[in-house]
Amino acid sequence: MPRTEGFATDRLTALATAKGALEHTVPEVLFVCVQNSGRSQMAAALLKACAGSRVHVRSAGSAPAGQIDLNAVEVLRRRGLDLDEEFP
């Protein structure tokens, strides 16, 4: 999925869920940090890897960075987790 489409889909799904237009079938977890480029992205990726489809995971930031921290990408890549499709 192209990055723009992924961003739009994520935001519209979040809005529809918040307004009650989508049913919650699994628990939702939101990880938040300032830039949403390191800690929250890593936490979200690790929970997704552990919980799979049993939990809907998102991350957010109050002042999002332009890209995910390359150190976070590398650390997770070593654990077999891919952040290529993620964005702050």
Protein backbone atom coordinates (compact mmCIF):
# COMPACT_ATOMS: atom_id res chain seq x y z
CA MET A 1 0.00 0.00 0.00
CA PRO A 2 1.49 3.38 -0.92
CA ARG A 3 2.43 5.56 2.05
CA THR A 4 -0.19 8.25 1.28
CA GLU A 5 -2.94 5.65 1.08
CA GLY A 6 -1.78 4.08 4.34
CA PHE A 7 -1.75 7.46 6.09
CA ALA A 8 -5.23 8.35 4.82
CA THR A 9 -6.64 4.92 5.70
CA ASP A 10 -5.19 5.06 9.22
CA ARG A 11 -6.53 8.54 9.90
CA LEU A 12 -10.01 7.88 8.49
CA THR A 13 -10.28 4.60 10.40
CA ALA A 14 -9.26 6.37 13.62
CA LEU A 15 -11.84 9.09 13.03
CA ALA A 16 -14.63 6.62 12.24
CA THR A 17 -13.77 4.57 15.32
CA ALA A 18 -13.71 7.65 17.57
CA LYS A 19 -17.13 8.74 16.27
CA GLY A 20 -18.62 5.27 16.83
CA ALA A 21 -19.09 4.52 13.12
CA LEU A 22 -16.89 1.41 13.35
CA GLU A 23 -17.43 -1.37 15.84
CA HIS A 24 -14.60 -2.22 18.25
CA THR A 25 -14.02 -5.94 17.85
CA VAL A 26 -10.65 -6.00 19.65
CA PRO A 27 -9.01 -3.78 22.27
CA GLU A 28 -7.23 -0.67 20.97
CA VAL A 29 -3.84 0.53 22.17
CA LEU A 30 -2.38 3.94 21.34
CA PHE A 31 1.29 4.62 22.01
CA VAL A 32 2.12 8.33 22.16
CA CYS A 33 5.41 10.21 22.31
CA VAL A 34 6.36 13.67 21.11
CA GLN A 35 7.83 12.89 17.69
CA ASN A 36 6.28 9.45 17.06
CA SER A 37 9.53 8.49 15.40
CA GLY A 38 11.18 6.15 17.90
CA ARG A 39 9.74 4.97 21.20
CA SER A 40 6.08 4.86 20.24
CA GLN A 41 6.86 3.27 16.87
CA MET A 42 9.00 0.61 18.54
CA ALA A 43 6.37 -0.11 21.19
CA ALA A 44 3.65 -0.39 18.54
CA ALA A 45 5.73 -2.73 16.37
CA LEU A 46 6.59 -4.99 19.31
CA LEU A 47 2.96 -5.21 20.47
CA LYS A 48 1.77 -5.94 16.91
CA ALA A 49 4.34 -8.71 16.67
CA CYS A 50 3.28 -10.23 20.00
CA ALA A 51 -0.49 -9.76 19.83
CA GLY A 52 -1.16 -10.01 16.10
CA SER A 53 -4.78 -9.32 15.24
CA ARG A 54 -5.98 -9.67 18.85
CA VAL A 55 -5.24 -5.95 19.43
CA HIS A 56 -5.50 -2.90 17.16
CA VAL A 57 -2.31 -0.88 17.66
CA ARG A 58 -1.61 2.72 16.66
CA SER A 59 1.05 5.28 17.48
CA ALA A 60 0.92 9.06 17.53
CA GLY A 61 2.94 12.14 18.38
CA SER A 62 2.12 15.66 19.50
CA ALA A 63 4.79 17.07 17.14
CA PRO A 64 5.41 14.29 14.58
CA ALA A 65 8.82 14.04 12.95
CA GLY A 66 9.30 13.84 9.20
CA GLN A 67 10.45 10.21 9.34
CA ILE A 68 11.01 7.36 11.75
CA ASP A 69 14.36 7.42 13.54
CA LEU A 70 16.81 5.26 11.58
CA ASN A 71 18.19 3.76 14.82
CA ALA A 72 14.70 2.51 15.72
CA VAL A 73 14.31 1.05 12.22
CA GLU A 74 17.65 -0.77 12.51
CA VAL A 75 17.01 -2.14 16.01
CA LEU A 76 13.64 -3.53 15.00
CA ARG A 77 15.00 -4.89 11.72
CA ARG A 78 17.50 -6.94 13.77
CA ARG A 79 14.49 -8.45 15.57
CA GLY A 80 12.83 -9.27 12.27
CA LEU A 81 10.34 -6.39 12.39
CA ASP A 82 9.88 -4.06 9.43
CA LEU A 83 8.93 -0.38 9.80
CA ASP A 84 9.14 0.44 6.08
CA GLU A 85 5.39 1.09 5.78
CA GLU A 86 5.11 3.05 9.04
CA PHE A 87 5.14 6.84 9.37
CA PRO A 88 5.15 9.39 12.22
